Amino acid sequence: MSTTFGGCPAIEIATDLARAGREQILIADPNLTALPAELAALSNVSLCDTLEAVRRADIVALLVAHSRFRKIPREDLLGRVVIDVTG
């Protein structure tokens, strides 16, 4: 993908979170086939399928209103902290 992600709020948030701690950051974005360079350079960040990321996560942050995210089964979100800034 040739798109540049500079200035993209979701990428900036993910990058800041990854740099701030040692937690594993799982990125799920149906439009990405590879991580942007700024995230790929971080050892605690990986690109995952949406359901895999949700099922592996303790905290799910929905930062972009992709229609795929609206199809996440509710039962997969149970027991997880969900932060939805998309409305």
PDB file of N, CA and C in Angstrom:
ATOM      1  N   MET A   1       0.846  -1.168   0.000  1.00  0.00           N
ATOM      2  CA  MET A   1       0.000   0.000   0.000  1.00  0.00           C
ATOM      3  C   MET A   1       0.893   1.232   0.000  1.00  0.00           C
ATOM      4  N   SER A   2       0.592   2.141  -0.861  1.00  0.00           N
ATOM      5  CA  SER A   2       1.459   3.302  -1.019  1.00  0.00           C
ATOM      6  C   SER A   2       0.992   4.519  -0.236  1.00  0.00           C
ATOM      7  N   THR A   3      -0.125   4.405   0.434  1.00  0.00           N
ATOM      8  CA  THR A   3      -0.651   5.543   1.184  1.00  0.00           C
ATOM      9  C   THR A   3       0.258   5.882   2.350  1.00  0.00           C
ATOM     10  N   THR A   4       0.454   7.164   2.581  1.00  0.00           N
ATOM     11  CA  THR A   4       1.195   7.593   3.759  1.00  0.00           C
ATOM     12  C   THR A   4       0.214   7.806   4.910  1.00  0.00           C
ATOM     13  N   PHE A   5       0.613   7.421   6.092  1.00  0.00           N
ATOM     14  CA  PHE A   5      -0.272   7.530   7.244  1.00  0.00           C
ATOM     15  C   PHE A   5       0.127   8.660   8.174  1.00  0.00           C
ATOM     16  N   GLY A   6       1.031   9.507   7.753  1.00  0.00           N
ATOM     17  CA  GLY A   6       1.431  10.637   8.581  1.00  0.00           C
ATOM     18  C   GLY A   6       0.233  11.496   8.937  1.00  0.00           C
ATOM     19  N   GLY A   7       0.062  11.774  10.205  1.00  0.00           N
ATOM     20  CA  GLY A   7      -1.039  12.598  10.644  1.00  0.00           C
ATOM     21  C   GLY A   7      -2.335  11.845  10.886  1.00  0.00           C
ATOM     22  N   CYS A   8      -2.381  10.554  10.599  1.00  0.00           N
ATOM     23  CA  CYS A   8      -3.587   9.757  10.837  1.00  0.00           C
ATOM     24  C   CYS A   8      -3.740   9.554  12.345  1.00  0.00           C
ATOM     25  N   PRO A   9      -4.820  10.064  12.939  1.00  0.00           N
ATOM     26  CA  PRO A   9      -4.978   9.971  14.392  1.00  0.00           C
ATOM     27  C   PRO A   9      -4.896   8.538  14.937  1.00  0.00           C
ATOM     28  N   ALA A  10      -5.507   7.568  14.273  1.00  0.00           N
ATOM     29  CA  ALA A  10      -5.476   6.189  14.771  1.00  0.00           C
ATOM     30  C   ALA A  10      -4.052   5.638  14.786  1.00  0.00           C
ATOM     31  N   ILE A  11      -3.287   5.927  13.748  1.00  0.00           N
ATOM     32  CA  ILE A  11      -1.891   5.468  13.685  1.00  0.00           C
ATOM     33  C   ILE A  11      -1.065   6.174  14.748  1.00  0.00           C
ATOM     34  N   GLU A  12      -1.301   7.467  14.931  1.00  0.00           N
ATOM     35  CA  GLU A  12      -0.570   8.216  15.959  1.00  0.00           C
ATOM     36  C   GLU A  12      -0.873   7.666  17.359  1.00  0.00           C
ATOM     37  N   ILE A  13      -2.134   7.352  17.626  1.00  0.00           N
ATOM     38  CA  ILE A  13      -2.515   6.803  18.935  1.00  0.00           C
ATOM     39  C   ILE A  13      -1.856   5.449  19.147  1.00  0.00           C
ATOM     40  N   ALA A  14      -1.924   4.578  18.151  1.00  0.00           N
ATOM     41  CA  ALA A  14      -1.312   3.251  18.269  1.00  0.00           C
ATOM     42  C   ALA A  14       0.200   3.364  18.480  1.00  0.00           C
ATOM     43  N   THR A  15       0.829   4.266  17.762  1.00  0.00           N
ATOM     44  CA  THR A  15       2.277   4.461  17.902  1.00  0.00           C
ATOM     45  C   THR A  15       2.616   4.963  19.300  1.00  0.00           C
ATOM     46  N   ASP A  16       1.869   5.932  19.793  1.00  0.00           N
ATOM     47  CA  ASP A  16       2.107   6.466  21.138  1.00  0.00           C
ATOM     48  C   ASP A  16       1.931   5.376  22.196  1.00  0.00           C
ATOM     49  N   LEU A  17       0.872   4.575  22.079  1.00  0.00           N
ATOM     50  CA  LEU A  17       0.646   3.485  23.042  1.00  0.00           C
ATOM     51  C   LEU A  17       1.783   2.466  23.002  1.00  0.00           C
ATOM     52  N   ALA A  18       2.215   2.104  21.821  1.00  0.00           N
ATOM     53  CA  ALA A  18       3.288   1.116  21.685  1.00  0.00           C
ATOM     54  C   ALA A  18       4.602   1.626  22.259  1.00  0.00           C
ATOM     55  N   ARG A  19       4.881   2.883  22.043  1.00  0.00           N
ATOM     56  CA  ARG A  19       6.135   3.459  22.553  1.00  0.00           C
ATOM     57  C   ARG A  19       6.100   3.667  24.060  1.00  0.00           C
ATOM     58  N   ALA A  20       4.901   3.833  24.626  1.00  0.00           N
ATOM     59  CA  ALA A  20       4.773   4.132  26.053  1.00  0.00           C
ATOM     60  C   ALA A  20       4.923   2.915  26.947  1.00  0.00           C
ATOM     61  N   GLY A  21       4.757   1.724  26.411  1.00  0.00           N
ATOM     62  CA  GLY A  21       4.794   0.543  27.266  1.00  0.00           C
ATOM     63  C   GLY A  21       5.335  -0.674  26.556  1.00  0.00           C
ATOM     64  N   ARG A  22       5.269  -1.776  27.276  1.00  0.00           N
ATOM     65  CA  ARG A  22       5.754  -3.037  26.708  1.00  0.00           C
ATOM     66  C   ARG A  22       4.609  -3.942  26.281  1.00  0.00           C
ATOM     67  N   GLU A  23       3.385  -3.476  26.424  1.00  0.00           N
ATOM     68  CA  GLU A  23       2.234  -4.280  26.063  1.00  0.00           C
ATOM     69  C   GLU A  23       2.235  -4.569  24.572  1.00  0.00           C
ATOM     70  N   GLN A  24       1.654  -5.709  24.212  1.00  0.00           N
ATOM     71  CA  GLN A  24       1.504  -6.056  22.806  1.00  0.00           C
ATOM     72  C   GLN A  24       0.342  -5.261  22.223  1.00  0.00           C
ATOM     73  N   ILE A  25       0.566  -4.589  21.132  1.00  0.00           N
ATOM     74  CA  ILE A  25      -0.458  -3.813  20.437  1.00  0.00           C
ATOM     75  C   ILE A  25      -0.829  -4.571  19.168  1.00  0.00           C
ATOM     76  N   LEU A  26      -2.095  -4.947  19.072  1.00  0.00           N
ATOM     77  CA  LEU A  26      -2.585  -5.677  17.910  1.00  0.00           C
ATOM     78  C   LEU A  26      -3.393  -4.715  17.047  1.00  0.00           C
ATOM     79  N   ILE A  27      -2.981  -4.540  15.816  1.00  0.00           N
ATOM     80  CA  ILE A  27      -3.635  -3.622  14.890  1.00  0.00           C
ATOM     81  C   ILE A  27      -4.512  -4.435  13.947  1.00  0.00           C
ATOM     82  N   ALA A  28      -5.776  -4.062  13.874  1.00  0.00           N
ATOM     83  CA  ALA A  28      -6.699  -4.688  12.926  1.00  0.00           C
ATOM     84  C   ALA A  28      -7.301  -3.576  12.076  1.00  0.00           C
ATOM     85  N   ASP A  29      -7.040  -3.619  10.796  1.00  0.00           N
ATOM     86  CA  ASP A  29      -7.579  -2.620   9.883  1.00  0.00           C
ATOM     87  C   ASP A  29      -7.836  -3.316   8.552  1.00  0.00           C
ATOM     88  N   PRO A  30      -9.094  -3.391   8.140  1.00  0.00           N
ATOM     89  CA  PRO A  30      -9.400  -4.103   6.894  1.00  0.00           C
ATOM     90  C   PRO A  30      -8.782  -3.480   5.650  1.00  0.00           C
ATOM     91  N   ASN A  31      -8.288  -2.267   5.747  1.00  0.00           N
ATOM     92  CA  ASN A  31      -7.680  -1.600   4.597  1.00  0.00           C
ATOM     93  C   ASN A  31      -6.160  -1.757   4.536  1.00  0.00           C
ATOM     94  N   LEU A  32      -5.569  -2.371   5.543  1.00  0.00           N
ATOM     95  CA  LEU A  32      -4.110  -2.533   5.571  1.00  0.00           C
ATOM     96  C   LEU A  32      -3.699  -3.952   5.201  1.00  0.00           C
ATOM     97  N   THR A  33      -2.656  -4.067   4.407  1.00  0.00           N
ATOM     98  CA  THR A  33      -2.050  -5.363   4.137  1.00  0.00           C
ATOM     99  C   THR A  33      -0.691  -5.460   4.823  1.00  0.00           C
ATOM    100  N   ALA A  34      -0.210  -4.327   5.302  1.00  0.00           N
ATOM    101  CA  ALA A  34       1.047  -4.262   6.045  1.00  0.00           C
ATOM    102  C   ALA A  34       0.977  -3.055   6.969  1.00  0.00           C
ATOM    103  N   LEU A  35       1.746  -3.122   8.031  1.00  0.00           N
ATOM    104  CA  LEU A  35       1.789  -2.000   8.964  1.00  0.00           C
ATOM    105  C   LEU A  35       2.530  -0.815   8.351  1.00  0.00           C
ATOM    106  N   PRO A  36       2.096   0.402   8.667  1.00  0.00           N
ATOM    107  CA  PRO A  36       2.868   1.579   8.269  1.00  0.00           C
ATOM    108  C   PRO A  36       4.256   1.510   8.918  1.00  0.00           C
ATOM    109  N   ALA A  37       5.232   2.108   8.299  1.00  0.00           N
ATOM    110  CA  ALA A  37       6.626   2.019   8.750  1.00  0.00           C
ATOM    111  C   ALA A  37       6.809   2.367  10.217  1.00  0.00           C
ATOM    112  N   GLU A  38       6.106   3.411  10.689  1.00  0.00           N
ATOM    113  CA  GLU A  38       6.304   3.838  12.075  1.00  0.00           C
ATOM    114  C   GLU A  38       5.840   2.774  13.076  1.00  0.00           C
ATOM    115  N   LEU A  39       4.874   1.949  12.686  1.00  0.00           N
ATOM    116  CA  LEU A  39       4.421   0.858  13.556  1.00  0.00           C
ATOM    117  C   LEU A  39       5.234  -0.413  13.327  1.00  0.00           C
ATOM    118  N   ALA A  40       5.586  -0.683  12.090  1.00  0.00           N
ATOM    119  CA  ALA A  40       6.359  -1.887  11.769  1.00  0.00           C
ATOM    120  C   ALA A  40       7.721  -1.882  12.467  1.00  0.00           C
ATOM    121  N   ALA A  41       8.232  -0.704  12.763  1.00  0.00           N
ATOM    122  CA  ALA A  41       9.536  -0.582  13.421  1.00  0.00           C
ATOM    123  C   ALA A  41       9.489  -0.934  14.904  1.00  0.00           C
ATOM    124  N   LEU A  42       8.293  -1.081  15.461  1.00  0.00           N
ATOM    125  CA  LEU A  42       8.141  -1.349  16.891  1.00  0.00           C
ATOM    126  C   LEU A  42       7.918  -2.843  17.131  1.00  0.00           C
ATOM    127  N   SER A  43       8.706  -3.425  18.008  1.00  0.00           N
ATOM    128  CA  SER A  43       8.661  -4.882  18.223  1.00  0.00           C
ATOM    129  C   SER A  43       7.396  -5.363  18.917  1.00  0.00           C
ATOM    130  N   ASN A  44       6.652  -4.490  19.561  1.00  0.00           N
ATOM    131  CA  ASN A  44       5.452  -4.901  20.287  1.00  0.00           C
ATOM    132  C   ASN A  44       4.163  -4.608  19.520  1.00  0.00           C
ATOM    133  N   VAL A  45       4.275  -4.449  18.198  1.00  0.00           N
ATOM    134  CA  VAL A  45       3.103  -4.163  17.361  1.00  0.00           C
ATOM    135  C   VAL A  45       3.002  -5.211  16.264  1.00  0.00           C
ATOM    136  N   SER A  46       1.797  -5.728  16.056  1.00  0.00           N
ATOM    137  CA  SER A  46       1.583  -6.657  14.950  1.00  0.00           C
ATOM    138  C   SER A  46       0.217  -6.426  14.316  1.00  0.00           C
ATOM    139  N   LEU A  47       0.132  -6.766  13.039  1.00  0.00           N
ATOM    140  CA  LEU A  47      -1.100  -6.645  12.269  1.00  0.00           C
ATOM    141  C   LEU A  47      -1.841  -7.969  12.345  1.00  0.00           C
ATOM    142  N   CYS A  48      -3.134  -7.914  12.676  1.00  0.00           N
ATOM    143  CA  CYS A  48      -3.943  -9.121  12.842  1.00  0.00           C
ATOM    144  C   CYS A  48      -5.276  -8.967  12.144  1.00  0.00           C
ATOM    145  N   ASP A  49      -5.913 -10.074  11.910  1.00  0.00           N
ATOM    146  CA  ASP A  49      -7.309 -10.099  11.492  1.00  0.00           C
ATOM    147  C   ASP A  49      -8.144  -9.524  12.630  1.00  0.00           C
ATOM    148  N   THR A  50      -9.254  -8.902  12.313  1.00  0.00           N
ATOM    149  CA  THR A  50     -10.089  -8.251  13.327  1.00  0.00           C
ATOM    150  C   THR A  50     -10.497  -9.199  14.447  1.00  0.00           C
ATOM    151  N   LEU A  51     -11.063 -10.345  14.111  1.00  0.00           N
ATOM    152  CA  LEU A  51     -11.537 -11.259  15.164  1.00  0.00           C
ATOM    153  C   LEU A  51     -10.384 -11.833  15.978  1.00  0.00           C
ATOM    154  N   GLU A  52      -9.264 -12.111  15.347  1.00  0.00           N
ATOM    155  CA  GLU A  52      -8.095 -12.592  16.088  1.00  0.00           C
ATOM    156  C   GLU A  52      -7.643 -11.535  17.094  1.00  0.00           C
ATOM    157  N   ALA A  53      -7.578 -10.286  16.663  1.00  0.00           N
ATOM    158  CA  ALA A  53      -7.148  -9.214  17.556  1.00  0.00           C
ATOM    159  C   ALA A  53      -8.109  -9.068  18.731  1.00  0.00           C
ATOM    160  N   VAL A  54      -9.406  -9.089  18.464  1.00  0.00           N
ATOM    161  CA  VAL A  54     -10.399  -8.952  19.536  1.00  0.00           C
ATOM    162  C   VAL A  54     -10.285 -10.105  20.520  1.00  0.00           C
ATOM    163  N   ARG A  55     -10.168 -11.295  20.013  1.00  0.00           N
ATOM    164  CA  ARG A  55     -10.119 -12.484  20.887  1.00  0.00           C
ATOM    165  C   ARG A  55      -8.844 -12.558  21.713  1.00  0.00           C
ATOM    166  N   ARG A  56      -7.761 -11.951  21.242  1.00  0.00           N
ATOM    167  CA  ARG A  56      -6.498 -11.949  21.989  1.00  0.00           C
ATOM    168  C   ARG A  56      -6.373 -10.765  22.935  1.00  0.00           C
ATOM    169  N   ALA A  57      -7.220  -9.772  22.787  1.00  0.00           N
ATOM    170  CA  ALA A  57      -7.066  -8.511  23.515  1.00  0.00           C
ATOM    171  C   ALA A  57      -7.773  -8.504  24.863  1.00  0.00           C
ATOM    172  N   ASP A  58      -7.227  -7.733  25.791  1.00  0.00           N
ATOM    173  CA  ASP A  58      -7.899  -7.410  27.051  1.00  0.00           C
ATOM    174  C   ASP A  58      -8.670  -6.099  26.885  1.00  0.00           C
ATOM    175  N   ILE A  59      -8.110  -5.212  26.079  1.00  0.00           N
ATOM    176  CA  ILE A  59      -8.724  -3.911  25.809  1.00  0.00           C
ATOM    177  C   ILE A  59      -8.881  -3.776  24.298  1.00  0.00           C
ATOM    178  N   VAL A  60     -10.089  -3.419  23.859  1.00  0.00           N
ATOM    179  CA  VAL A  60     -10.366  -3.210  22.436  1.00  0.00           C
ATOM    180  C   VAL A  60     -10.676  -1.728  22.247  1.00  0.00           C
ATOM    181  N   ALA A  61      -9.874  -1.060  21.438  1.00  0.00           N
ATOM    182  CA  ALA A  61     -10.095   0.359  21.144  1.00  0.00           C
ATOM    183  C   ALA A  61     -10.525   0.490  19.689  1.00  0.00           C
ATOM    184  N   LEU A  62     -11.736   0.940  19.480  1.00  0.00           N
ATOM    185  CA  LEU A  62     -12.249   1.175  18.130  1.00  0.00           C
ATOM    186  C   LEU A  62     -12.015   2.643  17.805  1.00  0.00           C
ATOM    187  N   LEU A  63     -11.036   2.891  16.943  1.00  0.00           N
ATOM    188  CA  LEU A  63     -10.619   4.258  16.646  1.00  0.00           C
ATOM    189  C   LEU A  63     -11.101   4.744  15.287  1.00  0.00           C
ATOM    190  N   VAL A  64     -11.570   3.820  14.458  1.00  0.00           N
ATOM    191  CA  VAL A  64     -12.031   4.145  13.112  1.00  0.00           C
ATOM    192  C   VAL A  64     -13.342   3.404  12.888  1.00  0.00           C
ATOM    193  N   ALA A  65     -14.290   4.030  12.225  1.00  0.00           N
ATOM    194  CA  ALA A  65     -15.629   3.452  12.039  1.00  0.00           C
ATOM    195  C   ALA A  65     -15.732   2.554  10.808  1.00  0.00           C
ATOM    196  N   HIS A  66     -14.855   1.560  10.708  1.00  0.00           N
ATOM    197  CA  HIS A  66     -14.956   0.600   9.608  1.00  0.00           C
ATOM    198  C   HIS A  66     -16.196  -0.259   9.804  1.00  0.00           C
ATOM    199  N   SER A  67     -16.910  -0.539   8.728  1.00  0.00           N
ATOM    200  CA  SER A  67     -18.120  -1.366   8.836  1.00  0.00           C
ATOM    201  C   SER A  67     -17.788  -2.758   9.370  1.00  0.00           C
ATOM    202  N   ARG A  68     -16.608  -3.256   9.093  1.00  0.00           N
ATOM    203  CA  ARG A  68     -16.174  -4.574   9.594  1.00  0.00           C
ATOM    204  C   ARG A  68     -16.197  -4.611  11.123  1.00  0.00           C
ATOM    205  N   PHE A  69     -15.866  -3.507  11.757  1.00  0.00           N
ATOM    206  CA  PHE A  69     -15.834  -3.465  13.217  1.00  0.00           C
ATOM    207  C   PHE A  69     -17.232  -3.539  13.813  1.00  0.00           C
ATOM    208  N   ARG A  70     -18.225  -3.065  13.091  1.00  0.00           N
ATOM    209  CA  ARG A  70     -19.614  -3.128  13.567  1.00  0.00           C
ATOM    210  C   ARG A  70     -20.148  -4.560  13.535  1.00  0.00           C
ATOM    211  N   LYS A  71     -19.452  -5.451  12.830  1.00  0.00           N
ATOM    212  CA  LYS A  71     -19.882  -6.844  12.707  1.00  0.00           C
ATOM    213  C   LYS A  71     -19.200  -7.767  13.719  1.00  0.00           C
ATOM    214  N   ILE A  72     -18.413  -7.199  14.624  1.00  0.00           N
ATOM    215  CA  ILE A  72     -17.773  -8.019  15.664  1.00  0.00           C
ATOM    216  C   ILE A  72     -18.880  -8.580  16.548  1.00  0.00           C
ATOM    217  N   PRO A  73     -18.932  -9.907  16.709  1.00  0.00           N
ATOM    218  CA  PRO A  73     -19.973 -10.493  17.562  1.00  0.00           C
ATOM    219  C   PRO A  73     -19.867  -9.975  18.996  1.00  0.00           C
ATOM    220  N   ARG A  74     -20.994  -9.591  19.559  1.00  0.00           N
ATOM    221  CA  ARG A  74     -21.029  -9.058  20.935  1.00  0.00           C
ATOM    222  C   ARG A  74     -20.374 -10.013  21.925  1.00  0.00           C
ATOM    223  N   GLU A  75     -20.579 -11.316  21.738  1.00  0.00           N
ATOM    224  CA  GLU A  75     -20.009 -12.285  22.683  1.00  0.00           C
ATOM    225  C   GLU A  75     -18.479 -12.252  22.679  1.00  0.00           C
ATOM    226  N   ASP A  76     -17.869 -11.821  21.575  1.00  0.00           N
ATOM    227  CA  ASP A  76     -16.410 -11.704  21.534  1.00  0.00           C
ATOM    228  C   ASP A  76     -15.912 -10.492  22.308  1.00  0.00           C
ATOM    229  N   LEU A  77     -16.794  -9.559  22.596  1.00  0.00           N
ATOM    230  CA  LEU A  77     -16.416  -8.363  23.353  1.00  0.00           C
ATOM    231  C   LEU A  77     -16.654  -8.510  24.853  1.00  0.00           C
ATOM    232  N   LEU A  78     -17.411  -9.525  25.246  1.00  0.00           N
ATOM    233  CA  LEU A  78     -17.701  -9.737  26.673  1.00  0.00           C
ATOM    234  C   LEU A  78     -16.418  -9.977  27.444  1.00  0.00           C
ATOM    235  N   GLY A  79     -16.311  -9.364  28.612  1.00  0.00           N
ATOM    236  CA  GLY A  79     -15.140  -9.547  29.470  1.00  0.00           C
ATOM    237  C   GLY A  79     -13.955  -8.690  29.064  1.00  0.00           C
ATOM    238  N   ARG A  80     -14.130  -7.837  28.073  1.00  0.00           N
ATOM    239  CA  ARG A  80     -13.061  -6.958  27.627  1.00  0.00           C
ATOM    240  C   ARG A  80     -13.455  -5.496  27.867  1.00  0.00           C
ATOM    241  N   VAL A  81     -12.481  -4.681  28.095  1.00  0.00           N
ATOM    242  CA  VAL A  81     -12.733  -3.242  28.144  1.00  0.00           C
ATOM    243  C   VAL A  81     -12.832  -2.783  26.689  1.00  0.00           C
ATOM    244  N   VAL A  82     -13.927  -2.114  26.350  1.00  0.00           N
ATOM    245  CA  VAL A  82     -14.119  -1.626  24.984  1.00  0.00           C
ATOM    246  C   VAL A  82     -14.184  -0.101  25.019  1.00  0.00           C
ATOM    247  N   ILE A  83     -13.311   0.506  24.228  1.00  0.00           N
ATOM    248  CA  ILE A  83     -13.274   1.958  24.082  1.00  0.00           C
ATOM    249  C   ILE A  83     -13.664   2.242  22.629  1.00  0.00           C
ATOM    250  N   ASP A  84     -14.824   2.830  22.448  1.00  0.00           N
ATOM    251  CA  ASP A  84     -15.325   3.119  21.103  1.00  0.00           C
ATOM    252  C   ASP A  84     -15.444   4.627  20.949  1.00  0.00           C
ATOM    253  N   VAL A  85     -14.512   5.200  20.208  1.00  0.00           N
ATOM    254  CA  VAL A  85     -14.528   6.652  20.002  1.00  0.00           C
ATOM    255  C   VAL A  85     -15.202   7.023  18.684  1.00  0.00           C
ATOM    256  N   THR A  86     -15.812   6.035  18.043  1.00  0.00           N
ATOM    257  CA  THR A  86     -16.429   6.279  16.742  1.00  0.00           C
ATOM    258  C   THR A  86     -17.895   6.668  16.846  1.00  0.00           C
ATOM    259  N   GLY A  87     -18.467   6.561  18.036  1.00  0.00           N
ATOM    260  CA  GLY A  87     -19.847   6.962  18.232  1.00  0.00           C
ATOM    261  C   GLY A  87     -20.735   5.843  18.168  1.00  0.00           C
TER     262      GLY A  87
END
